[in-house]
N, C-alpha and C. Protein backbone atom coordinates (compact mmCIF):
# COMPACT_ATOMS: atom_id res chain seq x y z
N MET A 1 137.83 64.89 128.67
CA MET A 1 136.91 66.06 128.63
C MET A 1 135.47 65.58 128.62
N ASN A 2 134.65 66.07 129.51
CA ASN A 2 133.26 65.63 129.56
C ASN A 2 132.36 66.58 128.78
N ASN A 3 131.09 66.21 128.69
CA ASN A 3 130.14 66.99 127.91
C ASN A 3 129.94 68.40 128.47
N LEU A 4 130.10 68.55 129.80
CA LEU A 4 129.93 69.85 130.39
C LEU A 4 131.02 70.81 129.93
N ASP A 5 132.18 70.27 129.56
CA ASP A 5 133.27 71.11 129.05
C ASP A 5 133.04 71.48 127.60
N VAL A 6 132.41 70.59 126.85
CA VAL A 6 132.24 70.80 125.41
C VAL A 6 131.14 71.81 125.11
N ALA A 7 130.01 71.70 125.80
CA ALA A 7 128.85 72.53 125.48
C ALA A 7 129.15 74.03 125.55
N PRO A 8 129.78 74.53 126.64
CA PRO A 8 130.07 75.97 126.67
C PRO A 8 130.98 76.40 125.53
N ASN A 9 131.97 75.55 125.17
CA ASN A 9 132.88 75.89 124.09
C ASN A 9 132.13 76.00 122.77
N GLN A 10 131.22 75.09 122.52
CA GLN A 10 130.41 75.14 121.31
C GLN A 10 129.54 76.39 121.29
N GLU A 11 128.99 76.75 122.43
CA GLU A 11 128.17 77.95 122.53
C GLU A 11 129.00 79.19 122.22
N ASP A 12 130.22 79.24 122.76
CA ASP A 12 131.10 80.37 122.49
C ASP A 12 131.42 80.48 121.00
N GLN A 13 131.66 79.34 120.37
CA GLN A 13 131.96 79.33 118.94
C GLN A 13 130.76 79.83 118.13
N GLN A 14 129.56 79.42 118.53
CA GLN A 14 128.35 79.87 117.84
C GLN A 14 128.17 81.37 117.99
N GLN A 15 128.45 81.90 119.20
CA GLN A 15 128.31 83.33 119.44
C GLN A 15 129.34 84.12 118.63
N GLU A 16 130.56 83.61 118.54
CA GLU A 16 131.59 84.28 117.75
C GLU A 16 131.22 84.28 116.27
N LYS A 17 130.70 83.17 115.79
CA LYS A 17 130.28 83.07 114.39
C LYS A 17 129.14 84.04 114.11
N LEU A 18 128.20 84.15 115.04
CA LEU A 18 127.06 85.04 114.88
C LEU A 18 127.54 86.50 114.86
N ALA A 19 128.44 86.84 115.77
CA ALA A 19 128.96 88.21 115.81
C ALA A 19 129.70 88.55 114.52
N PHE A 20 130.45 87.59 114.00
CA PHE A 20 131.17 87.79 112.74
C PHE A 20 130.18 88.02 111.60
N GLN A 21 129.11 87.23 111.58
CA GLN A 21 128.09 87.37 110.54
C GLN A 21 127.40 88.73 110.63
N VAL A 22 127.10 89.17 111.83
CA VAL A 22 126.46 90.47 112.03
C VAL A 22 127.36 91.60 111.52
N GLN A 23 128.66 91.52 111.80
CA GLN A 23 129.59 92.55 111.34
C GLN A 23 129.59 92.65 109.82
N HIS A 24 129.63 91.53 109.15
CA HIS A 24 129.65 91.53 107.69
C HIS A 24 128.32 92.03 107.13
N LEU A 25 127.22 91.60 107.75
CA LEU A 25 125.91 92.07 107.29
C LEU A 25 125.77 93.58 107.48
N ALA A 26 126.30 94.10 108.58
CA ALA A 26 126.19 95.52 108.86
C ALA A 26 126.86 96.35 107.76
N VAL A 27 128.05 95.92 107.35
CA VAL A 27 128.77 96.63 106.29
C VAL A 27 127.99 96.56 104.98
N ALA A 28 127.52 95.36 104.64
CA ALA A 28 126.82 95.15 103.37
C ALA A 28 125.50 95.91 103.33
N VAL A 29 124.73 95.83 104.41
CA VAL A 29 123.41 96.47 104.43
C VAL A 29 123.55 97.99 104.28
N GLU A 30 124.47 98.59 105.01
CA GLU A 30 124.64 100.04 104.89
C GLU A 30 125.07 100.42 103.47
N ARG A 31 125.98 99.65 102.88
CA ARG A 31 126.43 99.95 101.52
C ARG A 31 125.27 99.86 100.52
N ILE A 32 124.46 98.82 100.66
CA ILE A 32 123.32 98.63 99.75
C ILE A 32 122.32 99.78 99.90
N LEU A 33 122.04 100.17 101.14
CA LEU A 33 121.08 101.24 101.37
C LEU A 33 121.57 102.56 100.80
N ARG A 34 122.87 102.81 100.87
CA ARG A 34 123.41 104.06 100.34
C ARG A 34 123.40 104.05 98.81
N GLN A 35 123.33 102.87 98.24
CA GLN A 35 123.23 102.77 96.77
C GLN A 35 121.78 102.80 96.29
N GLN A 36 120.84 102.78 97.25
CA GLN A 36 119.40 102.78 96.92
C GLN A 36 118.73 103.96 97.61
N PRO A 37 118.95 105.20 97.13
CA PRO A 37 118.40 106.37 97.82
C PRO A 37 116.87 106.39 97.88
N GLU A 38 116.21 105.69 96.96
CA GLU A 38 114.74 105.63 96.98
C GLU A 38 114.22 104.58 97.95
N GLY A 39 115.13 103.79 98.52
CA GLY A 39 114.73 102.76 99.46
C GLY A 39 114.62 101.39 98.81
N ILE A 40 114.47 100.37 99.65
CA ILE A 40 114.43 98.99 99.18
C ILE A 40 113.56 98.18 100.14
N SER A 41 112.88 97.18 99.64
CA SER A 41 112.07 96.33 100.51
C SER A 41 112.96 95.28 101.17
N GLU A 42 112.46 94.66 102.22
CA GLU A 42 113.22 93.59 102.88
C GLU A 42 113.50 92.46 101.89
N LEU A 43 112.51 92.12 101.08
CA LEU A 43 112.67 91.04 100.11
C LEU A 43 113.82 91.34 99.15
N HIS A 44 113.87 92.55 98.62
CA HIS A 44 114.92 92.89 97.66
C HIS A 44 116.27 93.07 98.36
N LEU A 45 116.25 93.46 99.63
CA LEU A 45 117.50 93.52 100.39
C LEU A 45 118.07 92.12 100.58
N ILE A 46 117.22 91.16 100.89
CA ILE A 46 117.68 89.77 101.02
C ILE A 46 118.30 89.30 99.71
N LYS A 47 117.63 89.59 98.60
CA LYS A 47 118.15 89.17 97.29
C LYS A 47 119.49 89.82 96.99
N ALA A 48 119.64 91.10 97.37
CA ALA A 48 120.91 91.79 97.14
C ALA A 48 122.02 91.16 97.98
N LEU A 49 121.69 90.74 99.19
CA LEU A 49 122.69 90.11 100.06
C LEU A 49 123.05 88.70 99.60
N GLN A 50 122.20 88.10 98.79
CA GLN A 50 122.48 86.77 98.25
C GLN A 50 123.41 86.83 97.03
N GLN A 51 123.47 87.99 96.40
CA GLN A 51 124.20 88.12 95.14
C GLN A 51 125.60 88.67 95.35
N PRO A 52 126.49 88.49 94.34
CA PRO A 52 127.82 89.12 94.40
C PRO A 52 127.66 90.64 94.47
N PRO A 53 128.55 91.35 95.15
CA PRO A 53 129.78 90.84 95.75
C PRO A 53 129.62 90.31 97.17
N TRP A 54 128.38 90.31 97.70
CA TRP A 54 128.19 89.98 99.11
C TRP A 54 128.07 88.48 99.35
N GLU A 55 127.05 87.85 98.80
CA GLU A 55 126.82 86.42 98.98
C GLU A 55 126.87 86.01 100.46
N LEU A 56 126.15 86.78 101.29
CA LEU A 56 126.15 86.54 102.73
C LEU A 56 124.96 85.72 103.20
N ILE A 57 124.00 85.50 102.31
CA ILE A 57 122.80 84.73 102.65
C ILE A 57 122.60 83.64 101.61
N GLY A 58 122.33 82.43 102.08
CA GLY A 58 122.07 81.32 101.17
C GLY A 58 120.62 81.31 100.73
N PRO A 59 120.17 80.20 100.15
CA PRO A 59 118.77 80.08 99.72
C PRO A 59 117.82 80.28 100.91
N VAL A 60 116.69 80.95 100.66
CA VAL A 60 115.71 81.24 101.70
C VAL A 60 114.38 80.61 101.33
N ASN A 61 113.81 79.86 102.27
CA ASN A 61 112.50 79.26 102.06
C ASN A 61 111.45 80.20 102.65
N TYR A 62 110.82 81.01 101.78
CA TYR A 62 109.85 81.99 102.24
C TYR A 62 108.55 81.36 102.70
N ALA A 63 108.32 80.12 102.36
CA ALA A 63 107.06 79.46 102.70
C ALA A 63 107.06 78.91 104.12
N GLU A 64 108.22 78.82 104.77
CA GLU A 64 108.32 78.25 106.11
C GLU A 64 108.85 79.32 107.06
N PRO A 65 107.97 79.86 107.94
CA PRO A 65 108.38 80.95 108.83
C PRO A 65 109.60 80.64 109.68
N ASP A 66 109.73 79.39 110.16
CA ASP A 66 110.86 79.07 111.01
C ASP A 66 112.18 79.07 110.24
N LYS A 67 112.13 78.88 108.91
CA LYS A 67 113.34 78.95 108.09
C LYS A 67 113.65 80.39 107.71
N LEU A 68 112.61 81.19 107.49
CA LEU A 68 112.80 82.60 107.12
C LEU A 68 113.20 83.44 108.32
N TYR A 69 112.71 83.09 109.49
CA TYR A 69 112.90 83.92 110.68
C TYR A 69 114.35 84.29 110.98
N PRO A 70 115.31 83.35 111.01
CA PRO A 70 116.69 83.75 111.34
C PRO A 70 117.26 84.80 110.40
N VAL A 71 116.94 84.69 109.11
CA VAL A 71 117.40 85.67 108.13
C VAL A 71 116.76 87.03 108.42
N HIS A 72 115.45 87.02 108.59
CA HIS A 72 114.71 88.25 108.89
C HIS A 72 115.25 88.89 110.17
N PHE A 73 115.46 88.09 111.20
CA PHE A 73 115.90 88.65 112.48
C PHE A 73 117.25 89.33 112.36
N LEU A 74 118.22 88.67 111.73
CA LEU A 74 119.55 89.26 111.63
C LEU A 74 119.54 90.55 110.82
N ILE A 75 118.77 90.58 109.76
CA ILE A 75 118.70 91.80 108.95
C ILE A 75 118.10 92.95 109.77
N PHE A 76 117.03 92.69 110.51
CA PHE A 76 116.42 93.75 111.30
C PHE A 76 117.27 94.11 112.51
N HIS A 77 118.02 93.16 113.04
CA HIS A 77 118.98 93.46 114.11
C HIS A 77 120.01 94.48 113.60
N VAL A 78 120.54 94.22 112.42
CA VAL A 78 121.52 95.12 111.81
C VAL A 78 120.89 96.49 111.52
N LEU A 79 119.65 96.50 111.03
CA LEU A 79 118.98 97.76 110.72
C LEU A 79 118.76 98.62 111.96
N TYR A 80 118.32 98.01 113.06
CA TYR A 80 118.10 98.79 114.28
C TYR A 80 119.42 99.26 114.89
N ARG A 81 120.47 98.47 114.74
CA ARG A 81 121.80 98.94 115.18
C ARG A 81 122.23 100.15 114.37
N LEU A 82 122.02 100.09 113.06
CA LEU A 82 122.39 101.21 112.21
C LEU A 82 121.57 102.44 112.55
N ARG A 83 120.27 102.25 112.81
CA ARG A 83 119.43 103.40 113.16
C ARG A 83 119.93 104.07 114.44
N ASP A 84 120.34 103.25 115.42
CA ASP A 84 120.88 103.81 116.66
C ASP A 84 122.18 104.58 116.40
N GLN A 85 123.01 104.04 115.52
CA GLN A 85 124.28 104.70 115.21
C GLN A 85 124.06 106.06 114.55
N LEU A 86 122.97 106.18 113.81
CA LEU A 86 122.68 107.43 113.11
C LEU A 86 122.00 108.47 114.00
N ALA A 87 121.52 108.05 115.18
CA ALA A 87 120.85 108.97 116.08
C ALA A 87 121.78 110.13 116.42
N GLY A 88 121.27 111.35 116.30
CA GLY A 88 122.08 112.53 116.57
C GLY A 88 122.78 113.08 115.35
N SER A 89 122.74 112.32 114.25
CA SER A 89 123.32 112.81 113.00
C SER A 89 122.23 113.45 112.15
N ASP A 90 122.59 113.84 110.93
CA ASP A 90 121.58 114.43 110.04
C ASP A 90 120.90 113.38 109.18
N GLU A 91 121.15 112.09 109.48
CA GLU A 91 120.53 111.01 108.73
C GLU A 91 119.60 110.20 109.63
N ALA A 92 118.61 109.58 109.02
CA ALA A 92 117.68 108.71 109.73
C ALA A 92 117.40 107.49 108.87
N LEU A 93 116.88 106.47 109.51
CA LEU A 93 116.62 105.22 108.81
C LEU A 93 115.17 104.81 109.01
N THR A 94 114.44 104.66 107.91
CA THR A 94 113.09 104.13 107.93
C THR A 94 113.17 102.61 107.87
N ILE A 95 112.51 101.92 108.79
CA ILE A 95 112.58 100.47 108.85
C ILE A 95 111.18 99.88 108.74
N SER A 96 110.93 99.19 107.66
CA SER A 96 109.66 98.52 107.42
C SER A 96 109.93 97.38 106.44
N PRO A 97 109.22 96.26 106.53
CA PRO A 97 109.43 95.20 105.53
C PRO A 97 109.22 95.68 104.10
N LEU A 98 108.39 96.71 103.93
CA LEU A 98 108.09 97.19 102.58
C LEU A 98 109.04 98.28 102.12
N LEU A 99 109.61 99.03 103.05
CA LEU A 99 110.49 100.14 102.67
C LEU A 99 111.55 100.37 103.75
N ILE A 100 112.79 100.17 103.35
CA ILE A 100 113.95 100.45 104.20
C ILE A 100 114.72 101.54 103.48
N ARG A 101 114.88 102.70 104.14
CA ARG A 101 115.47 103.82 103.42
C ARG A 101 116.27 104.73 104.34
N LEU A 102 117.46 105.10 103.87
CA LEU A 102 118.27 106.11 104.52
C LEU A 102 117.91 107.47 103.93
N CYS A 103 117.68 108.46 104.79
CA CYS A 103 117.38 109.79 104.28
C CYS A 103 117.71 110.82 105.37
N ARG A 104 117.50 112.07 105.06
CA ARG A 104 117.76 113.13 106.01
C ARG A 104 116.73 113.11 107.13
N GLN A 105 117.17 113.54 108.33
CA GLN A 105 116.27 113.54 109.49
C GLN A 105 115.00 114.34 109.23
N ASP A 106 115.13 115.50 108.57
CA ASP A 106 113.95 116.34 108.40
C ASP A 106 112.93 115.75 107.44
N VAL A 107 113.36 114.74 106.63
CA VAL A 107 112.44 114.10 105.69
C VAL A 107 111.48 113.17 106.40
N VAL A 108 111.98 112.49 107.44
CA VAL A 108 111.16 111.48 108.12
C VAL A 108 110.67 111.94 109.49
N GLY A 109 110.99 113.17 109.86
CA GLY A 109 110.47 113.68 111.12
C GLY A 109 111.04 113.00 112.34
N GLY A 110 112.32 112.64 112.27
CA GLY A 110 112.97 112.09 113.46
C GLY A 110 112.86 110.61 113.63
N THR A 111 112.71 109.85 112.57
CA THR A 111 112.62 108.40 112.67
C THR A 111 113.84 107.81 113.35
N GLY A 112 114.96 108.51 113.28
CA GLY A 112 116.19 107.99 113.86
C GLY A 112 116.26 108.11 115.36
N SER A 113 115.31 108.72 116.02
CA SER A 113 115.35 108.89 117.47
C SER A 113 115.19 107.56 118.18
N VAL A 114 115.97 107.38 119.25
CA VAL A 114 115.85 106.15 120.04
C VAL A 114 115.27 106.44 121.42
N ASP A 115 114.74 107.67 121.63
CA ASP A 115 114.23 108.03 122.95
C ASP A 115 112.85 107.44 123.21
N ALA A 116 112.00 107.41 122.21
CA ALA A 116 110.64 106.91 122.39
C ALA A 116 110.66 105.39 122.56
N PRO A 117 109.78 104.85 123.43
CA PRO A 117 109.72 103.40 123.60
C PRO A 117 109.38 102.71 122.28
N ASP A 118 110.09 101.68 121.96
CA ASP A 118 109.88 100.98 120.70
C ASP A 118 110.06 99.48 120.97
N PRO A 119 108.96 98.75 121.13
CA PRO A 119 109.08 97.31 121.43
C PRO A 119 109.78 96.53 120.33
N LEU A 120 109.63 96.95 119.08
CA LEU A 120 110.32 96.24 117.99
C LEU A 120 111.82 96.43 118.09
N ARG A 121 112.25 97.64 118.40
CA ARG A 121 113.69 97.88 118.57
C ARG A 121 114.25 97.01 119.69
N ALA A 122 113.56 96.97 120.82
CA ALA A 122 114.02 96.17 121.96
C ALA A 122 114.11 94.69 121.58
N PHE A 123 113.14 94.23 120.81
CA PHE A 123 113.12 92.82 120.40
C PHE A 123 114.31 92.50 119.49
N TYR A 124 114.48 93.30 118.45
CA TYR A 124 115.49 92.97 117.44
C TYR A 124 116.92 93.22 117.91
N LEU A 125 117.11 94.08 118.90
CA LEU A 125 118.47 94.30 119.40
C LEU A 125 118.89 93.24 120.42
N ASP A 126 117.96 92.39 120.80
CA ASP A 126 118.26 91.30 121.74
C ASP A 126 118.66 90.06 120.94
N LEU A 127 119.96 89.80 120.84
CA LEU A 127 120.44 88.69 120.02
C LEU A 127 120.01 87.33 120.53
N SER A 128 119.57 87.26 121.79
CA SER A 128 119.09 85.98 122.29
C SER A 128 117.82 85.54 121.58
N ARG A 129 117.15 86.50 120.90
CA ARG A 129 115.93 86.18 120.15
C ARG A 129 116.23 85.52 118.81
N TYR A 130 117.50 85.46 118.45
CA TYR A 130 117.87 84.88 117.16
C TYR A 130 117.46 83.42 117.07
N ARG A 131 117.64 82.70 118.16
CA ARG A 131 117.25 81.28 118.19
C ARG A 131 116.02 81.15 119.07
N MET A 132 114.92 80.77 118.44
CA MET A 132 113.66 80.60 119.16
C MET A 132 113.01 79.29 118.74
N PRO A 133 112.26 78.64 119.65
CA PRO A 133 111.54 77.42 119.28
C PRO A 133 110.56 77.69 118.14
N GLU A 134 110.31 76.68 117.33
CA GLU A 134 109.43 76.86 116.17
C GLU A 134 108.04 77.33 116.59
N ASP A 135 107.49 76.81 117.69
CA ASP A 135 106.15 77.22 118.09
C ASP A 135 106.12 78.69 118.49
N SER A 136 107.21 79.19 119.09
CA SER A 136 107.28 80.61 119.45
C SER A 136 107.34 81.48 118.21
N ILE A 137 108.08 81.02 117.21
CA ILE A 137 108.18 81.77 115.95
C ILE A 137 106.81 81.84 115.28
N LEU A 138 106.10 80.72 115.26
CA LEU A 138 104.79 80.69 114.60
C LEU A 138 103.80 81.60 115.33
N ARG A 139 103.83 81.61 116.67
CA ARG A 139 102.94 82.50 117.43
C ARG A 139 103.26 83.96 117.13
N MET A 140 104.55 84.26 117.07
CA MET A 140 104.98 85.62 116.79
C MET A 140 104.54 86.06 115.40
N MET A 141 104.67 85.15 114.42
CA MET A 141 104.26 85.48 113.06
C MET A 141 102.75 85.67 112.98
N ASP A 142 102.00 84.86 113.74
CA ASP A 142 100.54 85.04 113.78
C ASP A 142 100.18 86.43 114.30
N ASP A 143 100.88 86.87 115.35
CA ASP A 143 100.66 88.20 115.89
C ASP A 143 101.00 89.27 114.87
N PHE A 144 102.10 89.05 114.14
CA PHE A 144 102.54 90.03 113.16
C PHE A 144 101.51 90.18 112.05
N TRP A 145 101.08 89.04 111.47
CA TRP A 145 100.13 89.12 110.36
C TRP A 145 98.77 89.62 110.80
N SER A 146 98.43 89.46 112.07
CA SER A 146 97.13 89.93 112.55
C SER A 146 97.19 91.38 113.02
N GLY A 147 98.36 91.99 112.93
CA GLY A 147 98.49 93.40 113.29
C GLY A 147 98.73 93.64 114.77
N ARG A 148 99.05 92.58 115.55
CA ARG A 148 99.23 92.75 116.98
C ARG A 148 100.71 92.91 117.34
N HIS A 149 101.46 93.67 116.57
CA HIS A 149 102.89 93.79 116.85
C HIS A 149 103.24 95.06 117.61
N GLY A 150 102.21 95.73 118.19
CA GLY A 150 102.48 96.79 119.15
C GLY A 150 102.90 98.12 118.55
N ARG A 151 102.73 98.33 117.28
CA ARG A 151 103.15 99.60 116.69
C ARG A 151 102.20 99.99 115.57
N ARG A 152 101.67 101.19 115.64
CA ARG A 152 100.81 101.69 114.57
C ARG A 152 101.72 102.25 113.48
N PRO A 153 101.55 101.83 112.24
CA PRO A 153 102.45 102.28 111.17
C PRO A 153 102.29 103.76 110.88
N ALA A 154 103.39 104.38 110.44
CA ALA A 154 103.33 105.78 110.01
C ALA A 154 102.50 105.88 108.74
N GLN A 155 102.03 107.10 108.44
CA GLN A 155 101.17 107.29 107.28
C GLN A 155 101.89 106.89 105.99
N GLY A 156 103.18 107.23 105.90
CA GLY A 156 103.93 106.86 104.70
C GLY A 156 104.05 105.37 104.53
N GLU A 157 104.20 104.64 105.64
CA GLU A 157 104.30 103.19 105.59
C GLU A 157 102.97 102.58 105.15
N ALA A 158 101.87 103.13 105.66
CA ALA A 158 100.55 102.65 105.27
C ALA A 158 100.29 102.92 103.78
N LEU A 159 100.74 104.08 103.32
CA LEU A 159 100.56 104.42 101.90
C LEU A 159 101.37 103.48 101.02
N GLU A 160 102.58 103.15 101.46
CA GLU A 160 103.42 102.21 100.71
C GLU A 160 102.73 100.84 100.63
N ALA A 161 102.16 100.40 101.76
CA ALA A 161 101.46 99.12 101.79
C ALA A 161 100.24 99.14 100.87
N ALA A 162 99.51 100.25 100.88
CA ALA A 162 98.33 100.37 100.02
C ALA A 162 98.72 100.27 98.55
N GLY A 163 99.88 100.82 98.21
CA GLY A 163 100.35 100.77 96.82
C GLY A 163 100.59 99.37 96.33
N VAL A 164 100.94 98.45 97.24
CA VAL A 164 101.15 97.05 96.87
C VAL A 164 99.88 96.46 96.27
N PHE A 165 98.73 96.92 96.76
CA PHE A 165 97.45 96.40 96.28
C PHE A 165 96.82 97.29 95.21
N GLY A 166 97.58 98.25 94.72
CA GLY A 166 97.10 99.08 93.62
C GLY A 166 96.32 100.31 94.03
N PHE A 167 96.29 100.63 95.33
CA PHE A 167 95.62 101.84 95.78
C PHE A 167 96.53 103.06 95.59
N ASP A 168 95.95 104.19 95.20
CA ASP A 168 96.71 105.44 95.12
C ASP A 168 96.80 106.13 96.47
N THR A 169 95.82 105.87 97.32
CA THR A 169 95.81 106.41 98.68
C THR A 169 95.42 105.28 99.63
N VAL A 170 95.58 105.52 100.93
CA VAL A 170 95.14 104.52 101.90
C VAL A 170 93.62 104.46 101.89
N PRO A 171 93.02 103.30 101.64
CA PRO A 171 91.56 103.20 101.56
C PRO A 171 90.91 103.50 102.90
N ILE A 172 89.65 103.92 102.85
CA ILE A 172 88.95 104.26 104.09
C ILE A 172 88.34 103.02 104.74
N SER A 173 88.26 101.94 104.01
CA SER A 173 87.64 100.72 104.54
C SER A 173 88.63 99.55 104.48
N PHE A 174 88.73 98.82 105.60
CA PHE A 174 89.60 97.64 105.62
C PHE A 174 89.03 96.52 104.75
N ASP A 175 87.71 96.54 104.54
CA ASP A 175 87.09 95.53 103.67
C ASP A 175 87.65 95.61 102.25
N GLU A 176 87.96 96.82 101.79
CA GLU A 176 88.56 96.97 100.47
C GLU A 176 89.94 96.31 100.43
N VAL A 177 90.68 96.47 101.52
CA VAL A 177 92.02 95.87 101.61
C VAL A 177 91.91 94.34 101.57
N LYS A 178 90.98 93.78 102.34
CA LYS A 178 90.82 92.32 102.39
C LYS A 178 90.46 91.76 101.02
N TYR A 179 89.60 92.48 100.31
CA TYR A 179 89.20 92.03 98.98
C TYR A 179 90.40 92.01 98.03
N ARG A 180 91.16 93.11 98.02
CA ARG A 180 92.33 93.17 97.13
C ARG A 180 93.38 92.14 97.55
N PHE A 181 93.53 91.93 98.86
CA PHE A 181 94.51 90.96 99.35
C PHE A 181 94.18 89.55 98.89
N ARG A 182 92.93 89.14 99.07
CA ARG A 182 92.53 87.79 98.66
C ARG A 182 92.74 87.59 97.15
N ARG A 183 92.36 88.60 96.38
CA ARG A 183 92.51 88.49 94.93
C ARG A 183 93.99 88.42 94.52
N ALA A 184 94.83 89.24 95.18
CA ALA A 184 96.25 89.26 94.84
C ALA A 184 96.93 87.95 95.23
N VAL A 185 96.56 87.39 96.39
CA VAL A 185 97.17 86.13 96.82
C VAL A 185 96.80 85.00 95.86
N MET A 186 95.56 84.99 95.41
CA MET A 186 95.15 83.96 94.44
C MET A 186 95.97 84.07 93.15
N GLN A 187 96.20 85.29 92.69
CA GLN A 187 96.97 85.49 91.46
C GLN A 187 98.44 85.14 91.64
N ALA A 188 98.95 85.35 92.88
CA ALA A 188 100.38 85.12 93.13
C ALA A 188 100.67 83.68 93.54
N HIS A 189 99.65 82.86 93.72
CA HIS A 189 99.87 81.50 94.20
C HIS A 189 100.72 80.71 93.21
N PRO A 190 101.72 79.95 93.70
CA PRO A 190 102.60 79.17 92.81
C PRO A 190 101.84 78.25 91.86
N ASP A 191 100.69 77.75 92.28
CA ASP A 191 99.90 76.88 91.40
C ASP A 191 99.41 77.62 90.16
N ARG A 192 99.39 78.95 90.24
CA ARG A 192 98.97 79.76 89.09
C ARG A 192 100.16 80.45 88.44
N GLY A 193 101.34 79.96 88.73
CA GLY A 193 102.54 80.52 88.11
C GLY A 193 103.17 81.66 88.88
N GLY A 194 102.66 81.96 90.09
CA GLY A 194 103.22 83.03 90.90
C GLY A 194 104.44 82.56 91.68
N GLU A 195 104.95 83.44 92.54
CA GLU A 195 106.15 83.13 93.31
C GLU A 195 105.86 83.31 94.80
N THR A 196 106.50 82.47 95.61
CA THR A 196 106.33 82.57 97.06
C THR A 196 106.79 83.92 97.57
N GLU A 197 107.84 84.50 96.94
CA GLU A 197 108.34 85.80 97.36
C GLU A 197 107.26 86.87 97.24
N ALA A 198 106.44 86.78 96.19
CA ALA A 198 105.37 87.76 96.00
C ALA A 198 104.35 87.67 97.13
N ILE A 199 104.05 86.47 97.57
CA ILE A 199 103.10 86.29 98.66
C ILE A 199 103.66 86.88 99.95
N GLN A 200 104.97 86.77 100.15
CA GLN A 200 105.61 87.36 101.32
C GLN A 200 105.40 88.87 101.33
N THR A 201 105.54 89.51 100.19
CA THR A 201 105.33 90.96 100.09
C THR A 201 103.87 91.31 100.38
N LEU A 202 102.95 90.53 99.84
CA LEU A 202 101.53 90.76 100.08
C LEU A 202 101.19 90.62 101.56
N ASN A 203 101.75 89.61 102.21
CA ASN A 203 101.50 89.40 103.63
C ASN A 203 102.00 90.59 104.45
N SER A 204 103.20 91.09 104.10
CA SER A 204 103.77 92.23 104.82
C SER A 204 102.87 93.46 104.66
N ALA A 205 102.43 93.72 103.43
CA ALA A 205 101.58 94.88 103.17
C ALA A 205 100.25 94.74 103.91
N PHE A 206 99.67 93.55 103.91
CA PHE A 206 98.40 93.32 104.60
C PHE A 206 98.55 93.56 106.10
N SER A 207 99.68 93.11 106.67
CA SER A 207 99.93 93.31 108.10
C SER A 207 100.00 94.79 108.45
N VAL A 208 100.69 95.57 107.62
CA VAL A 208 100.81 97.01 107.86
C VAL A 208 99.43 97.67 107.85
N LEU A 209 98.61 97.32 106.85
CA LEU A 209 97.29 97.95 106.75
C LEU A 209 96.35 97.48 107.86
N LYS A 210 96.49 96.22 108.26
CA LYS A 210 95.65 95.75 109.36
C LYS A 210 95.98 96.51 110.65
N ALA A 211 97.28 96.74 110.87
CA ALA A 211 97.68 97.53 112.05
C ALA A 211 97.20 98.97 111.93
N HIS A 212 97.17 99.50 110.72
CA HIS A 212 96.70 100.87 110.48
C HIS A 212 95.22 101.00 110.87
N PHE A 213 94.42 99.98 110.61
CA PHE A 213 92.98 100.05 110.88
C PHE A 213 92.62 99.58 112.29
N GLN A 214 93.63 99.18 113.09
CA GLN A 214 93.33 98.77 114.45
C GLN A 214 92.85 99.98 115.25
N ASP A 215 91.88 99.79 116.13
CA ASP A 215 91.36 100.87 116.97
C ASP A 215 92.39 101.22 118.03
């Protein structure tokens, strides 16, 4: 047997393993969301998937985007699949790193619709994006944190992000956001006793608000 015979077989095995993992994640994610009617952040969803009875995700290095990316991608792949499955029902799914929530369609104004163009949906439903070169991942993350991810956040999502920085409402000035962000990151830095997970949440909230203030 030559190498040309081995490579396709290995690829098939990897695809089967990935499909198996997606199936298990889909069951777990939906169950967790139905147990959290107020919603859950991506960070806390990852932690729930790491714990019994699921234990579907191992340790996650939040400080290295290329290590975090595969976990993030699979979770959002499952979320967009679930949102499509709910289309036409009386339920909808809000998808944001800060708030993932199942609720009635009339509560979110049709978030479950798949008719409108959605570049994020197209990206996450393409399983070929699961494996990407490190430089591509870093470029993508730079775009995400700078607000260039092609989607203006809903008002509720922006309000949720503002709450991370202690605002009661979405501020009128992005300068206020930058000030609170810098201060919060300094306080959350591991050198000051903070946690990398907290910085991940701050980065997500900052990205949402930066996209909100984009012209």
